[in-house]
Amino acid sequence: MTNTLSFELNKTAEWRTRKLERHPEDSRNQTARIVLAQLSEQDANVELARRYDALQDDEEISAARLGDVHSEILAEIGFHWEPKHVDEVLERIINRATGKAPTLNDVTEVNRKRGEADAAAAKAGKTAN
């Protein structure tokens, strides 16, 4: 994964911890904190990480727009969706920043890869991500 995204995921997890202290009745903050921390520890697909890093230099995407996309997507974690892998976060950031929505084939491919990874982890006696 990129260092930038790992840092942002950890920073958002810390923010959710503070929100949890202020709003203990809202369990979504706890869920978000856990998911964000787990995602920050995962290794991203090399091609997705390269595409994500390239967004910083894309002249068609303003820094402000990219920052807004980042904030929106990280704020959604634990509230509107619970990604199982950091690749899902990268894809969502890339797609939203570039204005490209994922296709059904994209979603199917991500699910297929996740299933393969989970099966391989189970076979090796490890827990899946």
C-alpha atoms as a PDB file:
ATOM      1  CA  MET A   1       0.000   0.000   0.000  1.00  0.00           C
ATOM      2  CA  THR A   2       1.046   3.551  -0.383  1.00  0.00           C
ATOM      3  CA  ASN A   3       2.400   5.271   2.703  1.00  0.00           C
ATOM      4  CA  THR A   4       0.032   8.167   2.153  1.00  0.00           C
ATOM      5  CA  LEU A   5      -3.086   6.006   2.251  1.00  0.00           C
ATOM      6  CA  SER A   6      -1.844   3.988   5.222  1.00  0.00           C
ATOM      7  CA  PHE A   7      -1.229   7.240   7.106  1.00  0.00           C
ATOM      8  CA  GLU A   8      -4.686   8.569   6.172  1.00  0.00           C
ATOM      9  CA  LEU A   9      -6.395   5.334   7.234  1.00  0.00           C
ATOM     10  CA  ASN A  10      -4.622   5.453  10.615  1.00  0.00           C
ATOM     11  CA  LYS A  11      -5.404   9.144  11.060  1.00  0.00           C
ATOM     12  CA  THR A  12      -9.081   8.489  10.314  1.00  0.00           C
ATOM     13  CA  ALA A  13      -9.110   5.541  12.750  1.00  0.00           C
ATOM     14  CA  GLU A  14      -7.777   7.865  15.460  1.00  0.00           C
ATOM     15  CA  TRP A  15     -10.447  10.420  14.583  1.00  0.00           C
ATOM     16  CA  ARG A  16     -13.115   7.719  14.877  1.00  0.00           C
ATOM     17  CA  THR A  17     -11.732   6.808  18.313  1.00  0.00           C
ATOM     18  CA  ARG A  18     -12.281  10.399  19.445  1.00  0.00           C
ATOM     19  CA  LYS A  19     -15.792  10.325  17.951  1.00  0.00           C
ATOM     20  CA  LEU A  20     -16.487   7.084  19.830  1.00  0.00           C
ATOM     21  CA  GLU A  21     -15.499   8.765  23.097  1.00  0.00           C
ATOM     22  CA  ARG A  22     -17.914  11.625  22.398  1.00  0.00           C
ATOM     23  CA  HIS A  23     -20.712   9.386  21.076  1.00  0.00           C
ATOM     24  CA  PRO A  24     -20.433   5.961  22.754  1.00  0.00           C
ATOM     25  CA  GLU A  25     -24.010   5.153  21.763  1.00  0.00           C
ATOM     26  CA  ASP A  26     -23.071   5.088  18.066  1.00  0.00           C
ATOM     27  CA  SER A  27     -21.382   1.720  17.516  1.00  0.00           C
ATOM     28  CA  ARG A  28     -20.570   2.622  13.910  1.00  0.00           C
ATOM     29  CA  ASN A  29     -17.574   4.598  15.156  1.00  0.00           C
ATOM     30  CA  GLN A  30     -16.178   1.451  16.781  1.00  0.00           C
ATOM     31  CA  THR A  31     -16.769  -0.555  13.612  1.00  0.00           C
ATOM     32  CA  ALA A  32     -15.138   2.142  11.515  1.00  0.00           C
ATOM     33  CA  ARG A  33     -12.136   2.361  13.830  1.00  0.00           C
ATOM     34  CA  ILE A  34     -11.527  -1.375  13.631  1.00  0.00           C
ATOM     35  CA  VAL A  35     -11.996  -1.605   9.857  1.00  0.00           C
ATOM     36  CA  LEU A  36      -9.767   1.410   9.206  1.00  0.00           C
ATOM     37  CA  ALA A  37      -6.987   0.013  11.402  1.00  0.00           C
ATOM     38  CA  GLN A  38      -7.175  -3.373   9.654  1.00  0.00           C
ATOM     39  CA  LEU A  39      -7.088  -1.777   6.215  1.00  0.00           C
ATOM     40  CA  SER A  40      -4.028   0.285   7.120  1.00  0.00           C
ATOM     41  CA  GLU A  41      -2.068  -2.933   7.737  1.00  0.00           C
ATOM     42  CA  GLN A  42      -2.893  -4.601   4.418  1.00  0.00           C
ATOM     43  CA  ASP A  43      -0.765  -4.743   1.295  1.00  0.00           C
ATOM     44  CA  ALA A  44      -2.370  -3.261  -1.789  1.00  0.00           C
ATOM     45  CA  ASN A  45      -2.340  -4.576  -5.305  1.00  0.00           C
ATOM     46  CA  VAL A  46       0.748  -3.101  -6.977  1.00  0.00           C
ATOM     47  CA  GLU A  47      -1.134  -1.861 -10.064  1.00  0.00           C
ATOM     48  CA  LEU A  48      -3.868  -0.224  -7.975  1.00  0.00           C
ATOM     49  CA  ALA A  49      -1.262   1.461  -5.767  1.00  0.00           C
ATOM     50  CA  ARG A  50       0.522   2.769  -8.867  1.00  0.00           C
ATOM     51  CA  ARG A  51      -2.760   4.129 -10.276  1.00  0.00           C
ATOM     52  CA  TYR A  52      -3.557   5.720  -6.909  1.00  0.00           C
ATOM     53  CA  ASP A  53      -0.134   7.370  -6.711  1.00  0.00           C
ATOM     54  CA  ALA A  54      -0.544   8.665 -10.282  1.00  0.00           C
ATOM     55  CA  LEU A  55      -3.624  10.636  -9.195  1.00  0.00           C
ATOM     56  CA  GLN A  56      -1.309  13.070  -7.396  1.00  0.00           C
ATOM     57  CA  ASP A  57       0.244  14.062 -10.729  1.00  0.00           C
ATOM     58  CA  ASP A  58      -2.913  13.976 -12.843  1.00  0.00           C
ATOM     59  CA  GLU A  59      -3.432  17.491 -14.168  1.00  0.00           C
ATOM     60  CA  GLU A  60      -7.131  16.816 -14.753  1.00  0.00           C
ATOM     61  CA  ILE A  61      -7.744  16.226 -11.036  1.00  0.00           C
ATOM     62  CA  SER A  62      -7.239  19.146  -8.689  1.00  0.00           C
ATOM     63  CA  ALA A  63      -5.587  18.628  -5.330  1.00  0.00           C
ATOM     64  CA  ALA A  64      -8.729  19.981  -3.667  1.00  0.00           C
ATOM     65  CA  ARG A  65     -10.927  17.477  -5.518  1.00  0.00           C
ATOM     66  CA  LEU A  66      -8.634  14.599  -4.600  1.00  0.00           C
ATOM     67  CA  GLY A  67      -8.616  15.716  -0.974  1.00  0.00           C
ATOM     68  CA  ASP A  68     -12.415  15.879  -0.932  1.00  0.00           C
ATOM     69  CA  VAL A  69     -12.693  12.404  -2.451  1.00  0.00           C
ATOM     70  CA  HIS A  70     -10.271  11.040   0.124  1.00  0.00           C
ATOM     71  CA  SER A  71     -12.195  12.568   3.005  1.00  0.00           C
ATOM     72  CA  GLU A  72     -15.582  11.433   1.684  1.00  0.00           C
ATOM     73  CA  ILE A  73     -14.538   7.832   1.140  1.00  0.00           C
ATOM     74  CA  LEU A  74     -12.679   7.401   4.417  1.00  0.00           C
ATOM     75  CA  ALA A  75     -15.645   8.923   6.282  1.00  0.00           C
ATOM     76  CA  GLU A  76     -17.970   6.361   4.650  1.00  0.00           C
ATOM     77  CA  ILE A  77     -16.009   3.390   6.027  1.00  0.00           C
ATOM     78  CA  GLY A  78     -17.916   1.753   8.863  1.00  0.00           C
ATOM     79  CA  PHE A  79     -21.012   3.817   8.166  1.00  0.00           C
ATOM     80  CA  HIS A  80     -21.985   3.177   4.547  1.00  0.00           C
ATOM     81  CA  TRP A  81     -19.670   0.292   3.670  1.00  0.00           C
ATOM     82  CA  GLU A  82     -17.139  -2.051   5.257  1.00  0.00           C
ATOM     83  CA  PRO A  83     -14.403  -2.872   2.769  1.00  0.00           C
ATOM     84  CA  LYS A  84     -12.692  -6.189   3.376  1.00  0.00           C
ATOM     85  CA  HIS A  85      -9.481  -5.170   1.647  1.00  0.00           C
ATOM     86  CA  VAL A  86      -7.580  -1.954   1.044  1.00  0.00           C
ATOM     87  CA  ASP A  87      -7.847  -2.601  -2.710  1.00  0.00           C
ATOM     88  CA  GLU A  88     -11.542  -1.750  -2.471  1.00  0.00           C
ATOM     89  CA  VAL A  89     -10.658   1.619  -0.937  1.00  0.00           C
ATOM     90  CA  LEU A  90      -8.074   2.323  -3.624  1.00  0.00           C
ATOM     91  CA  GLU A  91     -10.529   1.427  -6.373  1.00  0.00           C
ATOM     92  CA  ARG A  92     -13.223   3.635  -4.913  1.00  0.00           C
ATOM     93  CA  ILE A  93     -10.866   6.597  -4.557  1.00  0.00           C
ATOM     94  CA  ILE A  94      -9.537   6.144  -8.100  1.00  0.00           C
ATOM     95  CA  ASN A  95     -12.992   5.753  -9.592  1.00  0.00           C
ATOM     96  CA  ARG A  96     -14.544   8.665  -7.747  1.00  0.00           C
ATOM     97  CA  ALA A  97     -11.599  10.985  -8.388  1.00  0.00           C
ATOM     98  CA  THR A  98     -11.554  10.183 -12.100  1.00  0.00           C
ATOM     99  CA  GLY A  99     -15.344  10.148 -12.449  1.00  0.00           C
ATOM    100  CA  LYS A 100     -15.357   6.498 -13.461  1.00  0.00           C
ATOM    101  CA  ALA A 101     -17.821   4.224 -11.763  1.00  0.00           C
ATOM    102  CA  PRO A 102     -16.875   0.573 -11.409  1.00  0.00           C
ATOM    103  CA  THR A 103     -18.584  -1.785 -13.806  1.00  0.00           C
ATOM    104  CA  LEU A 104     -20.281  -5.013 -12.826  1.00  0.00           C
ATOM    105  CA  ASN A 105     -17.244  -6.824 -14.256  1.00  0.00           C
ATOM    106  CA  ASP A 106     -14.964  -4.778 -12.002  1.00  0.00           C
ATOM    107  CA  VAL A 107     -16.997  -5.700  -8.947  1.00  0.00           C
ATOM    108  CA  THR A 108     -17.164  -9.354  -9.995  1.00  0.00           C
ATOM    109  CA  GLU A 109     -13.399  -9.451 -10.504  1.00  0.00           C
ATOM    110  CA  VAL A 110     -12.731  -7.942  -7.070  1.00  0.00           C
ATOM    111  CA  ASN A 111     -15.062 -10.486  -5.476  1.00  0.00           C
ATOM    112  CA  ARG A 112     -13.424 -13.343  -7.391  1.00  0.00           C
ATOM    113  CA  LYS A 113      -9.946 -12.288  -6.281  1.00  0.00           C
ATOM    114  CA  ARG A 114     -11.118 -11.876  -2.700  1.00  0.00           C
ATOM    115  CA  GLY A 115     -12.658 -15.359  -2.782  1.00  0.00           C
ATOM    116  CA  GLU A 116      -9.434 -16.835  -4.116  1.00  0.00           C
ATOM    117  CA  ALA A 117      -7.392 -15.058  -1.459  1.00  0.00           C
ATOM    118  CA  ASP A 118      -9.771 -16.183   1.295  1.00  0.00           C
ATOM    119  CA  ALA A 119      -9.654 -19.793   0.041  1.00  0.00           C
ATOM    120  CA  ALA A 120      -5.856 -19.736  -0.119  1.00  0.00           C
ATOM    121  CA  ALA A 121      -5.664 -18.281   3.400  1.00  0.00           C
ATOM    122  CA  ALA A 122      -8.074 -20.914   4.732  1.00  0.00           C
ATOM    123  CA  LYS A 123      -6.070 -23.687   3.055  1.00  0.00           C
ATOM    124  CA  ALA A 124      -2.888 -22.334   4.649  1.00  0.00           C
ATOM    125  CA  GLY A 125      -4.632 -22.216   8.026  1.00  0.00           C
ATOM    126  CA  LYS A 126      -4.630 -18.437   8.182  1.00  0.00           C
ATOM    127  CA  THR A 127      -7.501 -16.066   8.692  1.00  0.00           C
ATOM    128  CA  ALA A 128      -8.675 -14.198   5.621  1.00  0.00           C
ATOM    129  CA  ASN A 129      -8.441 -10.401   5.421  1.00  0.00           C
END
